[in-house]
C-alpha atoms as a PDB file:
ATOM      1  CA  MET A   1     217.105  73.571 -75.255  1.00  0.00           C
ATOM      2  CA  ALA A   2     216.140  75.907 -78.085  1.00  0.00           C
ATOM      3  CA  LEU A   3     218.182  75.469 -81.278  1.00  0.00           C
ATOM      4  CA  ALA A   4     217.650  76.807 -84.780  1.00  0.00           C
ATOM      5  CA  THR A   5     216.399  74.310 -87.414  1.00  0.00           C
ATOM      6  CA  GLY A   6     219.323  72.813 -89.249  1.00  0.00           C
ATOM      7  CA  SER A   7     221.818  73.287 -86.443  1.00  0.00           C
ATOM      8  CA  THR A   8     223.877  70.384 -85.057  1.00  0.00           C
ATOM      9  CA  ILE A   9     223.036  68.997 -81.656  1.00  0.00           C
ATOM     10  CA  ARG A  10     225.852  67.439 -79.656  1.00  0.00           C
ATOM     11  CA  LEU A  11     224.333  64.588 -77.598  1.00  0.00           C
ATOM     12  CA  GLY A  12     226.393  62.717 -75.035  1.00  0.00           C
ATOM     13  CA  ILE A  13     225.464  59.336 -73.409  1.00  0.00           C
ATOM     14  CA  ASP A  14     227.123  57.832 -70.365  1.00  0.00           C
ATOM     15  CA  CYS A  15     227.836  54.321 -71.703  1.00  0.00           C
ATOM     16  CA  ARG A  16     230.011  53.057 -68.848  1.00  0.00           C
ATOM     17  CA  LEU A  17     227.263  50.618 -67.786  1.00  0.00           C
ATOM     18  CA  SER A  18     226.461  49.437 -71.266  1.00  0.00           C
ATOM     19  CA  GLY A  19     226.770  45.857 -72.484  1.00  0.00           C
ATOM     20  CA  SER A  20     225.540  42.477 -71.348  1.00  0.00           C
ATOM     21  CA  ALA A  21     227.995  42.434 -68.417  1.00  0.00           C
ATOM     22  CA  HIS A  22     225.819  45.091 -66.688  1.00  0.00           C
ATOM     23  CA  ALA A  23     222.558  43.193 -66.916  1.00  0.00           C
ATOM     24  CA  GLY A  24     219.395  45.185 -67.587  1.00  0.00           C
ATOM     25  CA  ILE A  25     220.816  48.656 -67.589  1.00  0.00           C
ATOM     26  CA  GLY A  26     223.617  47.450 -69.825  1.00  0.00           C
ATOM     27  CA  ARG A  27     221.192  45.994 -72.342  1.00  0.00           C
ATOM     28  CA  TYR A  28     219.031  49.149 -72.222  1.00  0.00           C
ATOM     29  CA  THR A  29     221.993  51.466 -72.886  1.00  0.00           C
ATOM     30  CA  GLU A  30     223.434  49.223 -75.637  1.00  0.00           C
ATOM     31  CA  ASN A  31     220.173  49.161 -77.595  1.00  0.00           C
ATOM     32  CA  LEU A  32     219.603  52.823 -77.012  1.00  0.00           C
ATOM     33  CA  ILE A  33     222.975  53.704 -78.648  1.00  0.00           C
ATOM     34  CA  ARG A  34     222.389  51.365 -81.609  1.00  0.00           C
ATOM     35  CA  CYS A  35     218.886  52.702 -82.255  1.00  0.00           C
ATOM     36  CA  LEU A  36     219.990  56.303 -82.070  1.00  0.00           C
ATOM     37  CA  LEU A  37     222.843  55.719 -84.536  1.00  0.00           C
ATOM     38  CA  GLY A  38     220.301  54.102 -86.906  1.00  0.00           C
ATOM     39  CA  ILE A  39     217.974  57.065 -86.598  1.00  0.00           C
ATOM     40  CA  PHE A  40     220.722  59.617 -87.079  1.00  0.00           C
ATOM     41  CA  GLY A  41     222.175  57.751 -90.041  1.00  0.00           C
ATOM     42  CA  PHE A  42     219.037  57.122 -92.103  1.00  0.00           C
ATOM     43  CA  ASN A  43     216.341  59.628 -91.129  1.00  0.00           C
ATOM     44  CA  GLN A  44     216.636  62.669 -93.420  1.00  0.00           C
ATOM     45  CA  GLU A  45     213.591  64.393 -91.980  1.00  0.00           C
ATOM     46  CA  LEU A  46     215.075  65.281 -88.600  1.00  0.00           C
ATOM     47  CA  PRO A  47     215.024  69.103 -88.004  1.00  0.00           C
ATOM     48  CA  HIS A  48     218.633  68.982 -86.717  1.00  0.00           C
ATOM     49  CA  SER A  49     221.813  67.104 -87.515  1.00  0.00           C
ATOM     50  CA  TRP A  50     223.234  65.131 -84.604  1.00  0.00           C
ATOM     51  CA  LYS A  51     226.638  64.222 -83.291  1.00  0.00           C
ATOM     52  CA  LEU A  52     226.687  61.485 -80.651  1.00  0.00           C
ATOM     53  CA  THR A  53     229.497  61.214 -78.092  1.00  0.00           C
ATOM     54  CA  CYS A  54     229.571  57.955 -76.150  1.00  0.00           C
ATOM     55  CA  PHE A  55     231.574  57.785 -72.911  1.00  0.00           C
ATOM     56  CA  PHE A  56     232.731  54.180 -72.497  1.00  0.00           C
ATOM     57  CA  TYR A  57     234.730  52.729 -69.607  1.00  0.00           C
ATOM     58  CA  SER A  58     237.170  50.991 -72.008  1.00  0.00           C
ATOM     59  CA  GLN A  59     237.915  50.434 -75.680  1.00  0.00           C
ATOM     60  CA  GLU A  60     237.000  46.799 -75.244  1.00  0.00           C
ATOM     61  CA  GLN A  61     233.560  47.739 -73.933  1.00  0.00           C
ATOM     62  CA  ALA A  62     232.981  50.078 -76.875  1.00  0.00           C
ATOM     63  CA  LEU A  63     233.952  47.349 -79.333  1.00  0.00           C
ATOM     64  CA  GLN A  64     231.724  44.802 -77.625  1.00  0.00           C
ATOM     65  CA  VAL A  65     228.725  47.123 -77.645  1.00  0.00           C
ATOM     66  CA  LEU A  66     229.117  48.772 -81.101  1.00  0.00           C
ATOM     67  CA  GLY A  67     231.172  46.320 -83.120  1.00  0.00           C
ATOM     68  CA  GLU A  68     233.865  47.437 -85.528  1.00  0.00           C
ATOM     69  CA  ASN A  69     231.374  48.950 -87.998  1.00  0.00           C
ATOM     70  CA  GLY A  70     229.654  50.923 -85.234  1.00  0.00           C
ATOM     71  CA  LEU A  71     232.890  52.440 -84.066  1.00  0.00           C
ATOM     72  CA  ILE A  72     233.513  54.119 -87.415  1.00  0.00           C
ATOM     73  CA  HIS A  73     229.950  55.628 -87.693  1.00  0.00           C
ATOM     74  CA  PRO A  74     230.394  59.154 -89.100  1.00  0.00           C
ATOM     75  CA  GLN A  75     228.223  60.766 -86.468  1.00  0.00           C
ATOM     76  CA  LEU A  76     229.820  59.017 -83.517  1.00  0.00           C
ATOM     77  CA  LYS A  77     232.676  59.937 -81.251  1.00  0.00           C
ATOM     78  CA  VAL A  78     233.879  57.545 -78.608  1.00  0.00           C
ATOM     79  CA  VAL A  79     235.524  58.901 -75.456  1.00  0.00           C
ATOM     80  CA  ILE A  80     237.200  56.459 -73.052  1.00  0.00           C
ATOM     81  CA  THR A  81     236.545  57.369 -69.465  1.00  0.00           C
ATOM     82  CA  PRO A  82     237.914  54.605 -67.136  1.00  0.00           C
ATOM     83  CA  ILE A  83     236.001  55.906 -64.097  1.00  0.00           C
ATOM     84  CA  LYS A  84     234.100  53.341 -62.106  1.00  0.00           C
ATOM     85  CA  HIS A  85     230.373  54.006 -61.435  1.00  0.00           C
ATOM     86  CA  TYR A  86     229.146  54.721 -57.868  1.00  0.00           C
ATOM     87  CA  THR A  87     232.463  56.233 -56.795  1.00  0.00           C
ATOM     88  CA  LEU A  88     233.826  59.555 -55.708  1.00  0.00           C
ATOM     89  CA  ALA A  89     235.890  59.626 -58.881  1.00  0.00           C
ATOM     90  CA  GLU A  90     232.640  59.578 -60.829  1.00  0.00           C
ATOM     91  CA  GLN A  91     231.561  62.745 -58.976  1.00  0.00           C
ATOM     92  CA  PHE A  92     234.818  64.672 -59.211  1.00  0.00           C
ATOM     93  CA  GLN A  93     236.542  63.501 -62.454  1.00  0.00           C
ATOM     94  CA  LEU A  94     233.687  62.768 -64.835  1.00  0.00           C
ATOM     95  CA  PRO A  95     232.351  66.340 -65.154  1.00  0.00           C
ATOM     96  CA  ALA A  96     235.604  67.458 -66.815  1.00  0.00           C
ATOM     97  CA  HIS A  97     235.186  64.856 -69.563  1.00  0.00           C
ATOM     98  CA  TYR A  98     231.605  65.970 -70.231  1.00  0.00           C
ATOM     99  CA  SER A  99     232.574  69.603 -70.298  1.00  0.00           C
ATOM    100  CA  GLN A 100     235.398  69.016 -72.714  1.00  0.00           C
ATOM    101  CA  ALA A 101     232.930  67.449 -75.152  1.00  0.00           C
ATOM    102  CA  LYS A 102     230.921  70.694 -75.237  1.00  0.00           C
ATOM    103  CA  LEU A 103     227.624  68.868 -75.188  1.00  0.00           C
ATOM    104  CA  ASP A 104     224.240  70.368 -75.787  1.00  0.00           C
ATOM    105  CA  LEU A 105     222.610  67.540 -73.889  1.00  0.00           C
ATOM    106  CA  LEU A 106     223.835  64.672 -71.749  1.00  0.00           C
ATOM    107  CA  HIS A 107     221.777  61.523 -71.211  1.00  0.00           C
ATOM    108  CA  VAL A 108     222.633  59.422 -68.130  1.00  0.00           C
ATOM    109  CA  PRO A 109     220.673  56.175 -68.382  1.00  0.00           C
ATOM    110  CA  HIS A 110     220.634  55.697 -64.586  1.00  0.00           C
ATOM    111  CA  PHE A 111     220.392  57.852 -61.445  1.00  0.00           C
ATOM    112  CA  ASN A 112     224.202  58.309 -60.966  1.00  0.00           C
ATOM    113  CA  ILE A 113     224.718  61.766 -62.369  1.00  0.00           C
ATOM    114  CA  PRO A 114     227.918  63.705 -61.499  1.00  0.00           C
ATOM    115  CA  LEU A 115     226.543  66.510 -59.331  1.00  0.00           C
ATOM    116  CA  LEU A 116     229.254  68.999 -60.389  1.00  0.00           C
ATOM    117  CA  TYR A 117     228.346  68.872 -64.071  1.00  0.00           C
ATOM    118  CA  SER A 118     226.459  72.081 -64.999  1.00  0.00           C
ATOM    119  CA  GLY A 119     225.183  71.161 -68.450  1.00  0.00           C
ATOM    120  CA  ALA A 120     221.675  70.030 -69.486  1.00  0.00           C
ATOM    121  CA  ILE A 121     220.838  66.479 -68.443  1.00  0.00           C
ATOM    122  CA  HIS A 122     218.180  63.860 -69.149  1.00  0.00           C
ATOM    123  CA  ILE A 123     218.131  60.684 -67.028  1.00  0.00           C
ATOM    124  CA  THR A 124     216.427  57.331 -67.006  1.00  0.00           C
ATOM    125  CA  ILE A 125     214.985  55.940 -63.773  1.00  0.00           C
ATOM    126  CA  HIS A 126     214.356  52.272 -64.341  1.00  0.00           C
ATOM    127  CA  ASP A 127     212.769  51.769 -60.923  1.00  0.00           C
ATOM    128  CA  LEU A 128     213.007  52.995 -57.343  1.00  0.00           C
ATOM    129  CA  LEU A 129     213.013  49.564 -55.680  1.00  0.00           C
ATOM    130  CA  TRP A 130     215.959  50.530 -53.510  1.00  0.00           C
ATOM    131  CA  HIS A 131     213.747  53.136 -51.899  1.00  0.00           C
ATOM    132  CA  SER A 132     211.474  50.495 -50.450  1.00  0.00           C
ATOM    133  CA  GLN A 133     213.789  47.453 -50.390  1.00  0.00           C
ATOM    134  CA  HIS A 134     216.564  48.443 -47.989  1.00  0.00           C
ATOM    135  CA  GLY A 135     218.257  47.188 -44.905  1.00  0.00           C
ATOM    136  CA  LEU A 136     221.027  44.713 -44.002  1.00  0.00           C
ATOM    137  CA  GLU A 137     219.081  41.773 -45.410  1.00  0.00           C
ATOM    138  CA  VAL A 138     219.483  43.141 -48.966  1.00  0.00           C
ATOM    139  CA  THR A 139     223.267  43.563 -48.906  1.00  0.00           C
ATOM    140  CA  THR A 140     226.478  41.719 -48.371  1.00  0.00           C
ATOM    141  CA  LEU A 141     228.307  44.847 -47.225  1.00  0.00           C
ATOM    142  CA  PRO A 142     229.252  45.620 -43.627  1.00  0.00           C
ATOM    143  CA  ASN A 143     226.638  47.608 -41.710  1.00  0.00           C
ATOM    144  CA  TRP A 144     228.392  51.010 -41.783  1.00  0.00           C
ATOM    145  CA  ILE A 145     229.407  50.831 -45.406  1.00  0.00           C
ATOM    146  CA  TYR A 146     225.904  49.835 -46.559  1.00  0.00           C
ATOM    147  CA  TRP A 147     224.181  52.715 -44.762  1.00  0.00           C
ATOM    148  CA  LEU A 148     226.765  55.232 -45.993  1.00  0.00           C
ATOM    149  CA  LYS A 149     226.265  54.054 -49.620  1.00  0.00           C
ATOM    150  CA  TYR A 150     222.473  54.010 -49.195  1.00  0.00           C
ATOM    151  CA  ALA A 151     222.507  57.601 -47.976  1.00  0.00           C
ATOM    152  CA  GLY A 152     224.597  58.531 -51.004  1.00  0.00           C
ATOM    153  CA  TYR A 153     222.150  56.709 -53.291  1.00  0.00           C
ATOM    154  CA  LYS A 154     219.159  58.590 -51.839  1.00  0.00           C
ATOM    155  CA  PHE A 155     220.911  61.965 -52.041  1.00  0.00           C
ATOM    156  CA  ILE A 156     222.182  61.529 -55.594  1.00  0.00           C
ATOM    157  CA  THR A 157     218.806  60.172 -56.862  1.00  0.00           C
ATOM    158  CA  GLN A 158     217.047  63.191 -55.369  1.00  0.00           C
ATOM    159  CA  GLN A 159     219.575  65.564 -57.003  1.00  0.00           C
ATOM    160  CA  ALA A 160     219.335  63.723 -60.357  1.00  0.00           C
ATOM    161  CA  VAL A 161     215.515  63.922 -60.482  1.00  0.00           C
ATOM    162  CA  THR A 162     215.643  67.601 -59.493  1.00  0.00           C
ATOM    163  CA  LYS A 163     218.359  68.616 -61.955  1.00  0.00           C
ATOM    164  CA  ALA A 164     217.203  66.630 -64.991  1.00  0.00           C
ATOM    165  CA  SER A 165     215.034  68.479 -67.479  1.00  0.00           C
ATOM    166  CA  ARG A 166     213.481  65.091 -68.510  1.00  0.00           C
ATOM    167  CA  VAL A 167     213.144  61.896 -66.566  1.00  0.00           C
ATOM    168  CA  PHE A 168     212.499  58.818 -68.711  1.00  0.00           C
ATOM    169  CA  VAL A 169     210.727  55.826 -67.092  1.00  0.00           C
ATOM    170  CA  PRO A 170     209.674  52.486 -68.611  1.00  0.00           C
ATOM    171  CA  SER A 171     206.102  52.294 -67.310  1.00  0.00           C
ATOM    172  CA  GLU A 172     203.208  54.095 -65.705  1.00  0.00           C
ATOM    173  CA  PHE A 173     203.965  52.209 -62.474  1.00  0.00           C
ATOM    174  CA  VAL A 174     207.490  53.587 -62.270  1.00  0.00           C
ATOM    175  CA  LYS A 175     206.201  57.055 -63.176  1.00  0.00           C
ATOM    176  CA  GLN A 176     203.775  57.053 -60.234  1.00  0.00           C
ATOM    177  CA  ASP A 177     206.481  55.695 -57.943  1.00  0.00           C
ATOM    178  CA  VAL A 178     208.811  58.537 -58.910  1.00  0.00           C
ATOM    179  CA  ILE A 179     206.038  61.067 -58.355  1.00  0.00           C
ATOM    180  CA  LYS A 180     205.308  59.537 -54.941  1.00  0.00           C
ATOM    181  CA  HIS A 181     208.872  60.165 -53.814  1.00  0.00           C
ATOM    182  CA  TYR A 182     209.444  63.349 -55.834  1.00  0.00           C
ATOM    183  CA  PRO A 183     206.121  65.152 -56.347  1.00  0.00           C
ATOM    184  CA  LYS A 184     207.592  68.129 -58.148  1.00  0.00           C
ATOM    185  CA  SER A 185     208.908  65.866 -60.948  1.00  0.00           C
ATOM    186  CA  SER A 186     205.528  64.997 -62.475  1.00  0.00           C
ATOM    187  CA  GLU A 187     205.729  67.470 -65.401  1.00  0.00           C
ATOM    188  CA  LYS A 188     209.132  66.282 -66.533  1.00  0.00           C
ATOM    189  CA  ILE A 189     208.546  62.521 -66.595  1.00  0.00           C
ATOM    190  CA  VAL A 190     208.263  60.780 -69.964  1.00  0.00           C
ATOM    191  CA  ILE A 191     207.143  57.175 -70.299  1.00  0.00           C
ATOM    192  CA  THR A 192     209.301  55.317 -72.856  1.00  0.00           C
ATOM    193  CA  PRO A 193     208.130  51.669 -72.983  1.00  0.00           C
ATOM    194  CA  GLU A 194     210.961  49.201 -73.583  1.00  0.00           C
ATOM    195  CA  GLY A 195     210.901  47.101 -76.762  1.00  0.00           C
ATOM    196  CA  ILE A 196     212.296  43.799 -77.879  1.00  0.00           C
ATOM    197  CA  ASN A 197     215.549  43.327 -79.798  1.00  0.00           C
ATOM    198  CA  GLN A 198     214.711  42.180 -83.326  1.00  0.00           C
ATOM    199  CA  SER A 199     216.756  39.001 -82.966  1.00  0.00           C
ATOM    200  CA  TYR A 200     214.464  37.836 -80.178  1.00  0.00           C
ATOM    201  CA  LEU A 201     211.420  38.038 -82.452  1.00  0.00           C
ATOM    202  CA  LYS A 202     212.653  34.848 -84.127  1.00  0.00           C
ATOM    203  CA  MET A 203     211.104  33.131 -81.142  1.00  0.00           C
ATOM    204  CA  ARG A 204     207.689  34.283 -82.194  1.00  0.00           C
ATOM    205  CA  ASP A 205     208.139  32.930 -85.705  1.00  0.00           C
ATOM    206  CA  GLN A 206     209.295  29.590 -84.306  1.00  0.00           C
ATOM    207  CA  LEU A 207     206.298  29.295 -81.985  1.00  0.00           C
ATOM    208  CA  LEU A 208     203.918  30.098 -84.832  1.00  0.00           C
ATOM    209  CA  ALA A 209     205.594  27.421 -86.957  1.00  0.00           C
ATOM    210  CA  ASN A 210     205.143  24.901 -84.161  1.00  0.00           C
ATOM    211  CA  GLN A 211     201.412  25.701 -84.042  1.00  0.00           C
ATOM    212  CA  VAL A 212     201.026  25.327 -87.829  1.00  0.00           C
ATOM    213  CA  HIS A 213     202.785  21.981 -87.906  1.00  0.00           C
ATOM    214  CA  ASN A 214     201.131  20.747 -84.726  1.00  0.00           C
ATOM    215  CA  LEU A 215     204.464  20.002 -83.048  1.00  0.00           C
ATOM    216  CA  PRO A 216     204.449  19.072 -79.346  1.00  0.00           C
ATOM    217  CA  THR A 217     204.070  22.024 -76.963  1.00  0.00           C
ATOM    218  CA  PRO A 218     207.218  22.331 -74.791  1.00  0.00           C
ATOM    219  CA  LYS A 219     206.973  21.651 -71.083  1.00  0.00           C
ATOM    220  CA  PRO A 220     206.083  24.905 -69.295  1.00  0.00           C
ATOM    221  CA  ILE A 221     209.205  26.665 -68.031  1.00  0.00           C
ATOM    222  CA  ILE A 222     209.775  29.971 -66.295  1.00  0.00           C
ATOM    223  CA  TYR A 223     212.997  31.489 -67.568  1.00  0.00           C
ATOM    224  CA  TYR A 224     214.469  34.137 -65.299  1.00  0.00           C
ATOM    225  CA  THR A 225     217.378  36.268 -66.469  1.00  0.00           C
ATOM    226  CA  GLY A 226     219.005  38.743 -64.046  1.00  0.00           C
ATOM    227  CA  SER A 227     220.553  39.114 -60.630  1.00  0.00           C
ATOM    228  CA  LEU A 228     219.190  37.623 -57.435  1.00  0.00           C
ATOM    229  CA  TYR A 229     219.168  40.732 -55.273  1.00  0.00           C
ATOM    230  CA  PRO A 230     216.259  40.580 -52.807  1.00  0.00           C
ATOM    231  CA  HIS A 231     214.490  43.490 -54.448  1.00  0.00           C
ATOM    232  CA  LYS A 232     214.037  41.323 -57.545  1.00  0.00           C
ATOM    233  CA  ASN A 233     211.635  39.309 -55.409  1.00  0.00           C
ATOM    234  CA  ILE A 234     212.495  35.869 -56.795  1.00  0.00           C
ATOM    235  CA  GLU A 235     211.163  34.527 -53.478  1.00  0.00           C
ATOM    236  CA  VAL A 236     207.628  35.071 -54.696  1.00  0.00           C
ATOM    237  CA  VAL A 237     208.271  32.886 -57.770  1.00  0.00           C
ATOM    238  CA  LEU A 238     209.853  30.130 -55.655  1.00  0.00           C
ATOM    239  CA  LYS A 239     206.941  30.022 -53.213  1.00  0.00           C
ATOM    240  CA  ALA A 240     204.488  29.883 -56.156  1.00  0.00           C
ATOM    241  CA  LEU A 241     206.324  26.900 -57.636  1.00  0.00           C
ATOM    242  CA  THR A 242     205.507  24.805 -54.556  1.00  0.00           C
ATOM    243  CA  ASP A 243     201.903  24.792 -55.875  1.00  0.00           C
ATOM    244  CA  LEU A 244     202.957  24.298 -59.471  1.00  0.00           C
ATOM    245  CA  PRO A 245     204.945  21.074 -59.646  1.00  0.00           C
ATOM    246  CA  GLN A 246     204.449  20.833 -63.451  1.00  0.00           C
ATOM    247  CA  ILE A 247     206.458  24.049 -64.014  1.00  0.00           C
ATOM    248  CA  SER A 248     210.231  24.346 -63.921  1.00  0.00           C
ATOM    249  CA  LEU A 249     212.337  27.433 -63.321  1.00  0.00           C
ATOM    250  CA  VAL A 250     215.624  28.210 -65.026  1.00  0.00           C
ATOM    251  CA  ILE A 251     217.714  30.995 -63.504  1.00  0.00           C
ATOM    252  CA  ALA A 252     220.277  32.562 -65.886  1.00  0.00           C
ATOM    253  CA  GLY A 253     222.723  35.207 -64.751  1.00  0.00           C
ATOM    254  CA  SER A 254     226.481  35.709 -64.236  1.00  0.00           C
ATOM    255  CA  ARG A 255     226.339  37.545 -60.865  1.00  0.00           C
ATOM    256  CA  SER A 256     227.056  35.324 -57.905  1.00  0.00           C
ATOM    257  CA  VAL A 257     225.701  37.674 -55.232  1.00  0.00           C
ATOM    258  CA  PHE A 258     222.859  36.066 -53.239  1.00  0.00           C
ATOM    259  CA  VAL A 259     223.090  32.765 -55.218  1.00  0.00           C
ATOM    260  CA  GLU A 260     223.854  30.718 -52.108  1.00  0.00           C
ATOM    261  CA  ARG A 261     221.004  32.366 -50.224  1.00  0.00           C
ATOM    262  CA  THR A 262     218.638  31.526 -53.106  1.00  0.00           C
ATOM    263  CA  LYS A 263     219.878  27.947 -53.243  1.00  0.00           C
ATOM    264  CA  LYS A 264     219.230  27.589 -49.528  1.00  0.00           C
ATOM    265  CA  MET A 265     215.674  28.852 -50.004  1.00  0.00           C
ATOM    266  CA  ILE A 266     215.175  26.424 -52.895  1.00  0.00           C
ATOM    267  CA  SER A 267     216.299  23.545 -50.694  1.00  0.00           C
ATOM    268  CA  GLN A 268     214.067  24.587 -47.812  1.00  0.00           C
ATOM    269  CA  LEU A 269     211.031  24.723 -50.167  1.00  0.00           C
ATOM    270  CA  GLY A 270     211.801  21.297 -51.641  1.00  0.00           C
ATOM    271  CA  LEU A 271     212.324  22.692 -55.153  1.00  0.00           C
ATOM    272  CA  THR A 272     215.735  21.283 -56.042  1.00  0.00           C
ATOM    273  CA  LYS A 273     214.323  19.203 -58.888  1.00  0.00           C
ATOM    274  CA  GLN A 274     212.268  22.134 -60.297  1.00  0.00           C
ATOM    275  CA  VAL A 275     214.990  24.830 -60.359  1.00  0.00           C
ATOM    276  CA  THR A 276     218.108  24.919 -62.528  1.00  0.00           C
ATOM    277  CA  PHE A 277     220.968  27.465 -62.442  1.00  0.00           C
ATOM    278  CA  ALA A 278     222.239  28.070 -65.947  1.00  0.00           C
ATOM    279  CA  GLY A 279     224.933  30.658 -65.106  1.00  0.00           C
ATOM    280  CA  PHE A 280     225.886  33.181 -67.780  1.00  0.00           C
ATOM    281  CA  VAL A 281     223.979  32.681 -71.049  1.00  0.00           C
ATOM    282  CA  ASP A 282     224.936  34.670 -74.123  1.00  0.00           C
ATOM    283  CA  ASP A 283     222.324  36.071 -76.495  1.00  0.00           C
ATOM    284  CA  ALA A 284     222.579  33.317 -79.086  1.00  0.00           C
ATOM    285  CA  GLN A 285     221.990  30.638 -76.454  1.00  0.00           C
ATOM    286  CA  LEU A 286     219.269  32.729 -74.807  1.00  0.00           C
ATOM    287  CA  ILE A 287     217.343  32.991 -78.064  1.00  0.00           C
ATOM    288  CA  SER A 288     217.744  29.275 -78.616  1.00  0.00           C
ATOM    289  CA  ASP A 289     216.478  28.592 -75.068  1.00  0.00           C
ATOM    290  CA  TYR A 290     213.449  30.837 -75.620  1.00  0.00           C
ATOM    291  CA  GLN A 291     212.601  28.931 -78.777  1.00  0.00           C
ATOM    292  CA  SER A 292     212.849  25.516 -77.210  1.00  0.00           C
END
């Protein structure tokens, strides 16, 4: 994408999976948008000016992610695209929204690109665990539906990696995994390590204060936030806890899929007194929990 210095670049981001309701990808996308708006708004040394178009599923989602002040950012345009991810509508209806925005570059922070969109695309591949963790034991769907969706996942991921001019990954491990499955992608992969939201750094200050004042060290706790899909491999942690009776595990997450299966495993391993299910935990409570 060659542009003259001083020109305006129109960047689009698929934000339909942004926000805490969408777990890790949602948090990644939310912080990406906020950081970009901060860079565009305060960095006067950029060689180009930028206009950011964010495609949200709903106005409520946009408000939750950006806040009222974010919605009126002078370099931001919000486009509401009520098209559910992982659907045929995503493939056939979404390209028109992107084309109407006349983007110079579209960033899709996942593998689910619309194949009919002809513009320049960057993607983020967070992991390829579904490539190795597959089969009826990792789904609650009927057999035929699961394998149909899995075939679609493999095809679209292959097309996304092929079509994207850049593939962002969070680590060297994921980079090598992508190269293993898609050898021709090696030159386009960029490692972008994921950081920590500034509000979470309060935990560090609190821990340092505890050390200075010689306050009691909290009981060791493993705090897991996320879904319980088998590819998350929570089973390894549970088995390790059987040899670590002094450590407790707290599982925080709003998704109910595989919770009953996990509870059954906990019971079978005799860990009911070591493991607690916290359900959905908002950021304020999560920070407080991390500090305790």
